[in-house]
C-alpha atoms as a PDB file:
ATOM      1  CA  UNK A   1      82.323 114.122  75.302  1.00  0.00           C
ATOM      2  CA  UNK A   2      83.586 117.404  76.740  1.00  0.00           C
ATOM      3  CA  UNK A   3      87.008 117.084  78.383  1.00  0.00           C
ATOM      4  CA  UNK A   4      86.613 116.530  82.117  1.00  0.00           C
ATOM      5  CA  UNK A   5      88.628 118.172  84.884  1.00  0.00           C
ATOM      6  CA  UNK A   6      89.378 115.579  87.574  1.00  0.00           C
ATOM      7  CA  UNK A   7      91.737 117.807  89.579  1.00  0.00           C
ATOM      8  CA  UNK A   8      91.050 118.843  93.183  1.00  0.00           C
ATOM      9  CA  UNK A   9      92.688 121.210  95.645  1.00  0.00           C
ATOM     10  CA  UNK A  10      93.626 119.571  98.931  1.00  0.00           C
ATOM     11  CA  UNK A  11      94.955 122.050 101.506  1.00  0.00           C
ATOM     12  CA  UNK A  12      96.561 124.111  98.751  1.00  0.00           C
ATOM     13  CA  UNK A  13      98.057 121.069  97.024  1.00  0.00           C
ATOM     14  CA  UNK A  14      96.764 120.394  93.524  1.00  0.00           C
ATOM     15  CA  UNK A  15      96.011 116.738  92.876  1.00  0.00           C
ATOM     16  CA  UNK A  16      95.520 115.695  89.247  1.00  0.00           C
ATOM     17  CA  UNK A  17      92.579 113.625  90.511  1.00  0.00           C
ATOM     18  CA  UNK A  18      91.100 112.666  93.906  1.00  0.00           C
ATOM     19  CA  UNK A  19      91.916 108.932  93.786  1.00  0.00           C
ATOM     20  CA  UNK A  20      94.479 107.761  96.361  1.00  0.00           C
ATOM     21  CA  UNK A  21      95.408 104.198  97.395  1.00  0.00           C
ATOM     22  CA  UNK A  22      94.833 103.959 101.145  1.00  0.00           C
ATOM     23  CA  UNK A  23      97.561 103.243 103.655  1.00  0.00           C
ATOM     24  CA  UNK A  24      98.298  99.575 104.163  1.00  0.00           C
ATOM     25  CA  UNK A  25      96.916  98.524 100.780  1.00  0.00           C
ATOM     26  CA  UNK A  26      99.656  99.787  98.447  1.00  0.00           C
ATOM     27  CA  UNK A  27     102.883  99.296 100.403  1.00  0.00           C
ATOM     28  CA  UNK A  28     105.254 102.214  99.868  1.00  0.00           C
ATOM     29  CA  UNK A  29     104.199 102.470  96.215  1.00  0.00           C
ATOM     30  CA  UNK A  30     107.522 101.032  95.134  1.00  0.00           C
ATOM     31  CA  UNK A  31     106.305  97.447  95.380  1.00  0.00           C
ATOM     32  CA  UNK A  32     103.658  98.045  92.700  1.00  0.00           C
ATOM     33  CA  UNK A  33     105.628 100.302  90.374  1.00  0.00           C
ATOM     34  CA  UNK A  34     106.262  97.433  87.959  1.00  0.00           C
ATOM     35  CA  UNK A  35     102.601  96.482  87.591  1.00  0.00           C
ATOM     36  CA  UNK A  36     100.607  99.686  88.171  1.00  0.00           C
ATOM     37  CA  UNK A  37     101.030 103.030  86.379  1.00  0.00           C
ATOM     38  CA  UNK A  38     101.697 105.186  89.440  1.00  0.00           C
ATOM     39  CA  UNK A  39     101.599 108.327  87.323  1.00  0.00           C
ATOM     40  CA  UNK A  40      97.811 108.227  86.997  1.00  0.00           C
ATOM     41  CA  UNK A  41      97.224 108.406  90.768  1.00  0.00           C
ATOM     42  CA  UNK A  42      96.292 111.648  92.491  1.00  0.00           C
ATOM     43  CA  UNK A  43      98.291 110.611  95.541  1.00  0.00           C
ATOM     44  CA  UNK A  44      99.580 107.604  97.453  1.00  0.00           C
ATOM     45  CA  UNK A  45      99.118 107.051 101.190  1.00  0.00           C
ATOM     46  CA  UNK A  46     102.114 105.018 102.306  1.00  0.00           C
ATOM     47  CA  UNK A  47     102.223 102.073 104.665  1.00  0.00           C
ATOM     48  CA  UNK A  48     101.673 103.031 108.304  1.00  0.00           C
ATOM     49  CA  UNK A  49     104.951 103.819 110.050  1.00  0.00           C
ATOM     50  CA  UNK A  50     105.980 103.672 113.716  1.00  0.00           C
ATOM     51  CA  UNK A  51     109.136 104.883 115.450  1.00  0.00           C
ATOM     52  CA  UNK A  52     110.785 101.455 115.547  1.00  0.00           C
ATOM     53  CA  UNK A  53     110.573  98.653 113.004  1.00  0.00           C
ATOM     54  CA  UNK A  54     107.775  96.184 113.728  1.00  0.00           C
ATOM     55  CA  UNK A  55     107.328  92.576 112.633  1.00  0.00           C
ATOM     56  CA  UNK A  56     103.571  92.809 113.128  1.00  0.00           C
ATOM     57  CA  UNK A  57     101.121  90.357 114.666  1.00  0.00           C
ATOM     58  CA  UNK A  58     101.380  86.558 114.510  1.00  0.00           C
ATOM     59  CA  UNK A  59      99.811  84.734 111.582  1.00  0.00           C
ATOM     60  CA  UNK A  60      97.216  83.983 110.366  1.00  0.00           C
ATOM     61  CA  UNK A  61      96.253  87.653 110.248  1.00  0.00           C
ATOM     62  CA  UNK A  62      93.917  87.921 107.239  1.00  0.00           C
ATOM     63  CA  UNK A  63      90.364  86.564 106.992  1.00  0.00           C
ATOM     64  CA  UNK A  64      88.148  86.858 103.933  1.00  0.00           C
ATOM     65  CA  UNK A  65      84.489  87.847 104.245  1.00  0.00           C
ATOM     66  CA  UNK A  66      81.611  87.828 101.760  1.00  0.00           C
ATOM     67  CA  UNK A  67      81.892  91.554 101.135  1.00  0.00           C
ATOM     68  CA  UNK A  68      85.313  92.453 102.465  1.00  0.00           C
ATOM     69  CA  UNK A  69      88.141  91.255 104.667  1.00  0.00           C
ATOM     70  CA  UNK A  70      89.438  91.348 108.227  1.00  0.00           C
ATOM     71  CA  UNK A  71      93.088  92.075 108.887  1.00  0.00           C
ATOM     72  CA  UNK A  72      95.242  92.207 111.979  1.00  0.00           C
ATOM     73  CA  UNK A  73      98.630  92.825 110.390  1.00  0.00           C
ATOM     74  CA  UNK A  74      99.773  94.836 113.400  1.00  0.00           C
ATOM     75  CA  UNK A  75     101.555  97.734 111.707  1.00  0.00           C
ATOM     76  CA  UNK A  76     104.394  95.712 110.204  1.00  0.00           C
ATOM     77  CA  UNK A  77     106.827  98.357 108.933  1.00  0.00           C
ATOM     78  CA  UNK A  78     110.560  99.211 108.789  1.00  0.00           C
ATOM     79  CA  UNK A  79     110.366 102.277 111.059  1.00  0.00           C
ATOM     80  CA  UNK A  80     110.339 106.053 110.583  1.00  0.00           C
ATOM     81  CA  UNK A  81     114.035 106.423 109.714  1.00  0.00           C
ATOM     82  CA  UNK A  82     113.709 104.019 106.783  1.00  0.00           C
ATOM     83  CA  UNK A  83     110.593 105.867 105.603  1.00  0.00           C
ATOM     84  CA  UNK A  84     112.184 109.309 105.486  1.00  0.00           C
ATOM     85  CA  UNK A  85     115.668 108.295 104.324  1.00  0.00           C
ATOM     86  CA  UNK A  86     114.886 105.445 101.927  1.00  0.00           C
ATOM     87  CA  UNK A  87     111.247 104.779 100.999  1.00  0.00           C
ATOM     88  CA  UNK A  88     109.922 108.302 100.382  1.00  0.00           C
ATOM     89  CA  UNK A  89     113.022 109.474  98.432  1.00  0.00           C
ATOM     90  CA  UNK A  90     112.920 106.334  96.274  1.00  0.00           C
ATOM     91  CA  UNK A  91     109.236 106.826  95.500  1.00  0.00           C
ATOM     92  CA  UNK A  92     109.748 110.504  94.658  1.00  0.00           C
ATOM     93  CA  UNK A  93     112.264 109.522  91.969  1.00  0.00           C
ATOM     94  CA  UNK A  94     109.542 107.678  90.053  1.00  0.00           C
ATOM     95  CA  UNK A  95     106.356 109.493  91.114  1.00  0.00           C
ATOM     96  CA  UNK A  96     105.489 113.186  90.949  1.00  0.00           C
ATOM     97  CA  UNK A  97     102.081 113.087  92.650  1.00  0.00           C
ATOM     98  CA  UNK A  98     101.133 113.707  96.274  1.00  0.00           C
ATOM     99  CA  UNK A  99     103.030 111.475  98.725  1.00  0.00           C
ATOM    100  CA  UNK A 100     101.200 110.999 102.023  1.00  0.00           C
ATOM    101  CA  UNK A 101     103.079 109.597 105.028  1.00  0.00           C
ATOM    102  CA  UNK A 102     100.804 107.602 107.323  1.00  0.00           C
ATOM    103  CA  UNK A 103     102.160 107.993 110.860  1.00  0.00           C
ATOM    104  CA  UNK A 104     101.328 105.759 113.815  1.00  0.00           C
ATOM    105  CA  UNK A 105     102.433 105.748 117.436  1.00  0.00           C
ATOM    106  CA  UNK A 106     101.806 104.252 120.848  1.00  0.00           C
ATOM    107  CA  UNK A 107     102.270 107.454 122.841  1.00  0.00           C
ATOM    108  CA  UNK A 108     101.803 111.171 122.216  1.00  0.00           C
ATOM    109  CA  UNK A 109     105.588 111.584 122.261  1.00  0.00           C
ATOM    110  CA  UNK A 110     106.065 108.919 119.592  1.00  0.00           C
ATOM    111  CA  UNK A 111     103.542 110.599 117.300  1.00  0.00           C
ATOM    112  CA  UNK A 112     105.316 113.935 117.703  1.00  0.00           C
ATOM    113  CA  UNK A 113     108.756 112.403 117.105  1.00  0.00           C
ATOM    114  CA  UNK A 114     107.658 110.599 113.943  1.00  0.00           C
ATOM    115  CA  UNK A 115     105.775 113.565 112.537  1.00  0.00           C
ATOM    116  CA  UNK A 116     108.700 115.947 113.100  1.00  0.00           C
ATOM    117  CA  UNK A 117     110.937 113.660 111.041  1.00  0.00           C
ATOM    118  CA  UNK A 118     108.322 113.245 108.316  1.00  0.00           C
ATOM    119  CA  UNK A 119     107.772 117.015 108.209  1.00  0.00           C
ATOM    120  CA  UNK A 120     111.480 117.519 107.551  1.00  0.00           C
ATOM    121  CA  UNK A 121     111.488 115.055 104.649  1.00  0.00           C
ATOM    122  CA  UNK A 122     111.246 117.008 101.361  1.00  0.00           C
ATOM    123  CA  UNK A 123     109.751 114.042  99.542  1.00  0.00           C
ATOM    124  CA  UNK A 124     106.606 113.912 101.702  1.00  0.00           C
ATOM    125  CA  UNK A 125     103.692 116.266 100.967  1.00  0.00           C
ATOM    126  CA  UNK A 126     101.048 115.456 103.608  1.00  0.00           C
ATOM    127  CA  UNK A 127     101.128 113.811 107.032  1.00  0.00           C
ATOM    128  CA  UNK A 128      98.252 111.452 107.790  1.00  0.00           C
ATOM    129  CA  UNK A 129      98.179 110.636 111.499  1.00  0.00           C
ATOM    130  CA  UNK A 130      96.540 107.314 112.338  1.00  0.00           C
ATOM    131  CA  UNK A 131      94.975 107.639 115.795  1.00  0.00           C
ATOM    132  CA  UNK A 132      93.559 104.108 115.855  1.00  0.00           C
ATOM    133  CA  UNK A 133      96.667 102.862 117.675  1.00  0.00           C
ATOM    134  CA  UNK A 134      96.348 101.695 121.302  1.00  0.00           C
ATOM    135  CA  UNK A 135      97.645 104.198 123.876  1.00  0.00           C
ATOM    136  CA  UNK A 136     100.162 102.207 125.908  1.00  0.00           C
ATOM    137  CA  UNK A 137     100.006 104.790 128.711  1.00  0.00           C
ATOM    138  CA  UNK A 138      96.226 104.541 129.044  1.00  0.00           C
ATOM    139  CA  UNK A 139      95.411 100.840 129.196  1.00  0.00           C
ATOM    140  CA  UNK A 140      95.504 100.227 125.463  1.00  0.00           C
ATOM    141  CA  UNK A 141      92.512 102.376 124.514  1.00  0.00           C
ATOM    142  CA  UNK A 142      92.882 103.713 120.972  1.00  0.00           C
ATOM    143  CA  UNK A 143      93.602 107.450 120.823  1.00  0.00           C
ATOM    144  CA  UNK A 144      90.832 107.891 118.272  1.00  0.00           C
ATOM    145  CA  UNK A 145      88.034 106.642 120.521  1.00  0.00           C
ATOM    146  CA  UNK A 146      88.239 109.605 122.905  1.00  0.00           C
ATOM    147  CA  UNK A 147      87.981 113.267 121.834  1.00  0.00           C
ATOM    148  CA  UNK A 148      90.461 114.371 124.508  1.00  0.00           C
ATOM    149  CA  UNK A 149      93.087 111.817 123.507  1.00  0.00           C
ATOM    150  CA  UNK A 150      92.572 112.595 119.814  1.00  0.00           C
ATOM    151  CA  UNK A 151      93.017 116.301 120.528  1.00  0.00           C
ATOM    152  CA  UNK A 152      96.183 115.636 122.551  1.00  0.00           C
ATOM    153  CA  UNK A 153      97.821 113.809 119.655  1.00  0.00           C
ATOM    154  CA  UNK A 154      96.714 116.475 117.187  1.00  0.00           C
ATOM    155  CA  UNK A 155      98.052 119.322 119.336  1.00  0.00           C
ATOM    156  CA  UNK A 156     101.388 117.583 119.895  1.00  0.00           C
ATOM    157  CA  UNK A 157     101.816 116.951 116.191  1.00  0.00           C
ATOM    158  CA  UNK A 158     100.720 120.458 115.269  1.00  0.00           C
ATOM    159  CA  UNK A 159     103.355 121.879 117.632  1.00  0.00           C
ATOM    160  CA  UNK A 160     106.231 120.196 115.786  1.00  0.00           C
ATOM    161  CA  UNK A 161     104.988 120.185 112.174  1.00  0.00           C
ATOM    162  CA  UNK A 162     105.865 123.468 110.476  1.00  0.00           C
ATOM    163  CA  UNK A 163     105.814 122.724 106.752  1.00  0.00           C
ATOM    164  CA  UNK A 164     103.134 120.231 105.802  1.00  0.00           C
ATOM    165  CA  UNK A 165      99.362 119.767 106.177  1.00  0.00           C
ATOM    166  CA  UNK A 166      98.332 117.414 108.979  1.00  0.00           C
ATOM    167  CA  UNK A 167      95.386 115.077 108.389  1.00  0.00           C
ATOM    168  CA  UNK A 168      94.084 113.002 111.301  1.00  0.00           C
ATOM    169  CA  UNK A 169      92.749 109.560 110.331  1.00  0.00           C
ATOM    170  CA  UNK A 170      89.701 108.773 112.441  1.00  0.00           C
ATOM    171  CA  UNK A 171      88.469 105.478 113.837  1.00  0.00           C
ATOM    172  CA  UNK A 172      84.822 104.559 113.162  1.00  0.00           C
ATOM    173  CA  UNK A 173      84.681 102.504 116.373  1.00  0.00           C
ATOM    174  CA  UNK A 174      83.037 105.339 118.294  1.00  0.00           C
ATOM    175  CA  UNK A 175      79.546 106.453 119.240  1.00  0.00           C
ATOM    176  CA  UNK A 176      79.953 110.062 118.048  1.00  0.00           C
ATOM    177  CA  UNK A 177      82.407 110.563 115.183  1.00  0.00           C
ATOM    178  CA  UNK A 178      81.624 114.297 115.003  1.00  0.00           C
ATOM    179  CA  UNK A 179      82.829 114.999 118.534  1.00  0.00           C
ATOM    180  CA  UNK A 180      86.214 113.386 117.765  1.00  0.00           C
ATOM    181  CA  UNK A 181      86.464 115.221 114.435  1.00  0.00           C
ATOM    182  CA  UNK A 182      85.709 118.595 116.017  1.00  0.00           C
ATOM    183  CA  UNK A 183      88.237 117.955 118.782  1.00  0.00           C
ATOM    184  CA  UNK A 184      90.928 117.349 116.162  1.00  0.00           C
ATOM    185  CA  UNK A 185      89.902 120.435 114.193  1.00  0.00           C
ATOM    186  CA  UNK A 186      89.982 122.594 117.303  1.00  0.00           C
ATOM    187  CA  UNK A 187      93.448 121.212 118.173  1.00  0.00           C
ATOM    188  CA  UNK A 188      94.883 122.329 114.839  1.00  0.00           C
ATOM    189  CA  UNK A 189      94.286 119.589 112.261  1.00  0.00           C
ATOM    190  CA  UNK A 190      94.381 120.795 108.653  1.00  0.00           C
ATOM    191  CA  UNK A 191      92.195 117.928 107.459  1.00  0.00           C
ATOM    192  CA  UNK A 192      90.637 114.587 108.370  1.00  0.00           C
ATOM    193  CA  UNK A 193      90.721 111.118 106.816  1.00  0.00           C
ATOM    194  CA  UNK A 194      87.858 108.730 107.548  1.00  0.00           C
ATOM    195  CA  UNK A 195      87.140 106.003 108.088  1.00  0.00           C
ATOM    196  CA  UNK A 196      89.684 103.526 109.323  1.00  0.00           C
ATOM    197  CA  UNK A 197      88.555  99.901 109.680  1.00  0.00           C
ATOM    198  CA  UNK A 198      85.657  98.678 111.791  1.00  0.00           C
ATOM    199  CA  UNK A 199      86.356  96.012 114.391  1.00  0.00           C
ATOM    200  CA  UNK A 200      85.368  92.561 113.127  1.00  0.00           C
ATOM    201  CA  UNK A 201      85.813  88.843 113.673  1.00  0.00           C
ATOM    202  CA  UNK A 202      85.448  85.460 111.909  1.00  0.00           C
ATOM    203  CA  UNK A 203      85.301  81.972 113.470  1.00  0.00           C
ATOM    204  CA  UNK A 204      86.391  78.721 111.843  1.00  0.00           C
ATOM    205  CA  UNK A 205      83.391  76.548 112.749  1.00  0.00           C
ATOM    206  CA  UNK A 206      85.274  73.291 112.153  1.00  0.00           C
ATOM    207  CA  UNK A 207      88.170  74.227 114.420  1.00  0.00           C
ATOM    208  CA  UNK A 208      85.915  76.243 116.751  1.00  0.00           C
ATOM    209  CA  UNK A 209      88.534  78.961 116.857  1.00  0.00           C
ATOM    210  CA  UNK A 210      88.825  82.528 115.559  1.00  0.00           C
ATOM    211  CA  UNK A 211      90.233  82.585 112.031  1.00  0.00           C
ATOM    212  CA  UNK A 212      92.986  85.084 112.817  1.00  0.00           C
ATOM    213  CA  UNK A 213      95.516  84.665 115.606  1.00  0.00           C
ATOM    214  CA  UNK A 214      94.635  88.011 117.200  1.00  0.00           C
ATOM    215  CA  UNK A 215      90.952  86.941 117.337  1.00  0.00           C
ATOM    216  CA  UNK A 216      89.648  90.324 116.107  1.00  0.00           C
ATOM    217  CA  UNK A 217      90.843  92.734 113.440  1.00  0.00           C
ATOM    218  CA  UNK A 218      89.957  95.585 111.130  1.00  0.00           C
ATOM    219  CA  UNK A 219      86.981  94.927 108.841  1.00  0.00           C
ATOM    220  CA  UNK A 220      87.104  96.678 105.457  1.00  0.00           C
ATOM    221  CA  UNK A 221      85.707  96.299 101.952  1.00  0.00           C
ATOM    222  CA  UNK A 222      82.446  97.133 100.131  1.00  0.00           C
ATOM    223  CA  UNK A 223      80.295  96.145 103.133  1.00  0.00           C
ATOM    224  CA  UNK A 224      81.528  99.152 105.141  1.00  0.00           C
ATOM    225  CA  UNK A 225      80.853 101.754 102.415  1.00  0.00           C
ATOM    226  CA  UNK A 226      77.451 102.970 103.716  1.00  0.00           C
ATOM    227  CA  UNK A 227      78.908 103.451 107.204  1.00  0.00           C
ATOM    228  CA  UNK A 228      81.924 105.304 105.831  1.00  0.00           C
ATOM    229  CA  UNK A 229      79.744 107.483 103.621  1.00  0.00           C
ATOM    230  CA  UNK A 230      77.495 108.403 106.532  1.00  0.00           C
ATOM    231  CA  UNK A 231      80.460 109.397 108.684  1.00  0.00           C
ATOM    232  CA  UNK A 232      82.088 111.403 105.888  1.00  0.00           C
ATOM    233  CA  UNK A 233      78.809 113.273 105.386  1.00  0.00           C
ATOM    234  CA  UNK A 234      78.451 114.010 109.105  1.00  0.00           C
ATOM    235  CA  UNK A 235      82.032 115.190 109.566  1.00  0.00           C
ATOM    236  CA  UNK A 236      82.239 117.203 106.339  1.00  0.00           C
ATOM    237  CA  UNK A 237      79.114 119.121 107.323  1.00  0.00           C
ATOM    238  CA  UNK A 238      80.250 119.649 110.932  1.00  0.00           C
ATOM    239  CA  UNK A 239      83.845 120.743 110.254  1.00  0.00           C
ATOM    240  CA  UNK A 240      85.386 123.446 108.065  1.00  0.00           C
ATOM    241  CA  UNK A 241      88.534 121.492 107.164  1.00  0.00           C
ATOM    242  CA  UNK A 242      88.784 119.132 104.155  1.00  0.00           C
ATOM    243  CA  UNK A 243      88.046 115.427 104.353  1.00  0.00           C
ATOM    244  CA  UNK A 244      89.580 112.443 102.587  1.00  0.00           C
ATOM    245  CA  UNK A 245      86.887 109.772 102.371  1.00  0.00           C
ATOM    246  CA  UNK A 246      87.818 106.117 102.768  1.00  0.00           C
ATOM    247  CA  UNK A 247      86.023 102.850 103.397  1.00  0.00           C
ATOM    248  CA  UNK A 248      84.636 100.340 100.923  1.00  0.00           C
ATOM    249  CA  UNK A 249      85.369 102.396  97.802  1.00  0.00           C
ATOM    250  CA  UNK A 250      85.545 100.063  94.793  1.00  0.00           C
ATOM    251  CA  UNK A 251      84.002 101.874  91.796  1.00  0.00           C
ATOM    252  CA  UNK A 252      83.942 105.256  90.098  1.00  0.00           C
ATOM    253  CA  UNK A 253      80.379 105.662  91.397  1.00  0.00           C
ATOM    254  CA  UNK A 254      81.674 105.306  94.962  1.00  0.00           C
ATOM    255  CA  UNK A 255      84.188 108.104  94.383  1.00  0.00           C
ATOM    256  CA  UNK A 256      81.459 110.464  93.159  1.00  0.00           C
ATOM    257  CA  UNK A 257      79.196 109.494  96.053  1.00  0.00           C
ATOM    258  CA  UNK A 258      81.969 110.170  98.582  1.00  0.00           C
ATOM    259  CA  UNK A 259      82.664 113.554  97.031  1.00  0.00           C
ATOM    260  CA  UNK A 260      79.000 114.512  97.008  1.00  0.00           C
ATOM    261  CA  UNK A 261      78.947 113.592 100.714  1.00  0.00           C
ATOM    262  CA  UNK A 262      81.744 116.120 101.273  1.00  0.00           C
ATOM    263  CA  UNK A 263      85.077 114.406 100.571  1.00  0.00           C
ATOM    264  CA  UNK A 264      87.702 116.389  98.655  1.00  0.00           C
ATOM    265  CA  UNK A 265      89.788 113.283  97.941  1.00  0.00           C
ATOM    266  CA  UNK A 266      88.876 109.597  98.073  1.00  0.00           C
ATOM    267  CA  UNK A 267      91.049 106.708  99.186  1.00  0.00           C
ATOM    268  CA  UNK A 268      90.715 103.172  97.849  1.00  0.00           C
ATOM    269  CA  UNK A 269      91.672 100.482 100.353  1.00  0.00           C
ATOM    270  CA  UNK A 270      90.752  96.788 100.404  1.00  0.00           C
ATOM    271  CA  UNK A 271      89.822  96.804  96.711  1.00  0.00           C
ATOM    272  CA  UNK A 272      93.520  97.277  95.891  1.00  0.00           C
ATOM    273  CA  UNK A 273      94.261  93.958  97.578  1.00  0.00           C
ATOM    274  CA  UNK A 274      91.593  92.192  95.537  1.00  0.00           C
ATOM    275  CA  UNK A 275      92.535  93.981  92.312  1.00  0.00           C
ATOM    276  CA  UNK A 276      95.844  95.907  92.120  1.00  0.00           C
ATOM    277  CA  UNK A 277      94.490  97.746  89.055  1.00  0.00           C
ATOM    278  CA  UNK A 278      91.480  99.073  90.980  1.00  0.00           C
ATOM    279  CA  UNK A 279      92.606 102.721  91.058  1.00  0.00           C
ATOM    280  CA  UNK A 280      93.549 102.947  87.352  1.00  0.00           C
ATOM    281  CA  UNK A 281      90.246 101.272  86.437  1.00  0.00           C
ATOM    282  CA  UNK A 282      88.281 103.736  88.577  1.00  0.00           C
ATOM    283  CA  UNK A 283      90.106 106.642  86.940  1.00  0.00           C
ATOM    284  CA  UNK A 284      89.430 105.246  83.483  1.00  0.00           C
ATOM    285  CA  UNK A 285      85.708 105.040  84.253  1.00  0.00           C
ATOM    286  CA  UNK A 286      85.354 108.458  85.911  1.00  0.00           C
ATOM    287  CA  UNK A 287      85.161 110.708  82.818  1.00  0.00           C
ATOM    288  CA  UNK A 288      82.349 108.661  81.269  1.00  0.00           C
ATOM    289  CA  UNK A 289      80.447 108.621  84.542  1.00  0.00           C
ATOM    290  CA  UNK A 290      80.905 112.368  84.910  1.00  0.00           C
ATOM    291  CA  UNK A 291      79.569 112.871  81.398  1.00  0.00           C
ATOM    292  CA  UNK A 292      76.460 110.800  82.147  1.00  0.00           C
ATOM    293  CA  UNK A 293      75.839 112.887  85.278  1.00  0.00           C
ATOM    294  CA  UNK A 294      76.463 116.243  83.626  1.00  0.00           C
ATOM    295  CA  UNK A 295      79.612 116.905  85.664  1.00  0.00           C
ATOM    296  CA  UNK A 296      82.499 118.754  84.049  1.00  0.00           C
ATOM    297  CA  UNK A 297      84.776 119.283  87.094  1.00  0.00           C
ATOM    298  CA  UNK A 298      84.980 117.088  90.184  1.00  0.00           C
ATOM    299  CA  UNK A 299      85.797 120.037  92.444  1.00  0.00           C
ATOM    300  CA  UNK A 300      82.292 121.412  91.854  1.00  0.00           C
ATOM    301  CA  UNK A 301      80.482 118.372  93.296  1.00  0.00           C
ATOM    302  CA  UNK A 302      82.184 118.335  96.731  1.00  0.00           C
ATOM    303  CA  UNK A 303      79.515 118.413  99.432  1.00  0.00           C
ATOM    304  CA  UNK A 304      76.598 118.890  97.019  1.00  0.00           C
ATOM    305  CA  UNK A 305      74.450 116.063  98.442  1.00  0.00           C
END
């Protein structure tokens, strides 16, 4: 078998491969350093971070499904100061790949504040801005469900971030994903990550109550892959900026499919929770799959579908 080149170029940053654990499924990387070889990963998207520490939603907040899971963790995290002063520097000491800070907020000002601090942290390479958070100044509607609100967050972040690429993570809970993506691109985003979780629910039929305390939560796992793939394809063909594909990725074949749809990098989410070795196993399988498909470099297949 001819040696395969798995590297990709993401906004001028060379990743040894496109496989990245998705935010919320890999902690801050440090938690898994003793059981997973972090060095094989192209990047790591860290746990979503808000301005203040959050305890998250009440339990139970996880529900299993036949082909995935529903979660309503509620952005449990130690806050932005801990991220930039403790978590990212500690991870950088043991990991030389791309470190992606996933930033959340409940107002445009909070997003800007958090991103300015993350931009100043030398141990962070990319900012990934999660716009699926509810806007507390607009009745709780998620920023990512409205093109104008998505653009406002993007513009505010772009105004304070001087050093690092800004990726906006899009919500799939919209009628027209392309209009939101284009609004973010026009407002200055360097790239886009999609998709975040779909809104789902489970009911305990014996108790006649929702399984999770928050009633509804984010649905992820293999069942959402076709939806994620469709949205990645639409956005990658409508926008000129790079895309990180995410949603239901569990196998090497899924990574190739996402890249052919237009993704430059591919995030693995819920599968990490089922199998912490999911990313290394995908990377181990990729060269053989590439050989069977006549692919020598992954960069060459981006957007070829």
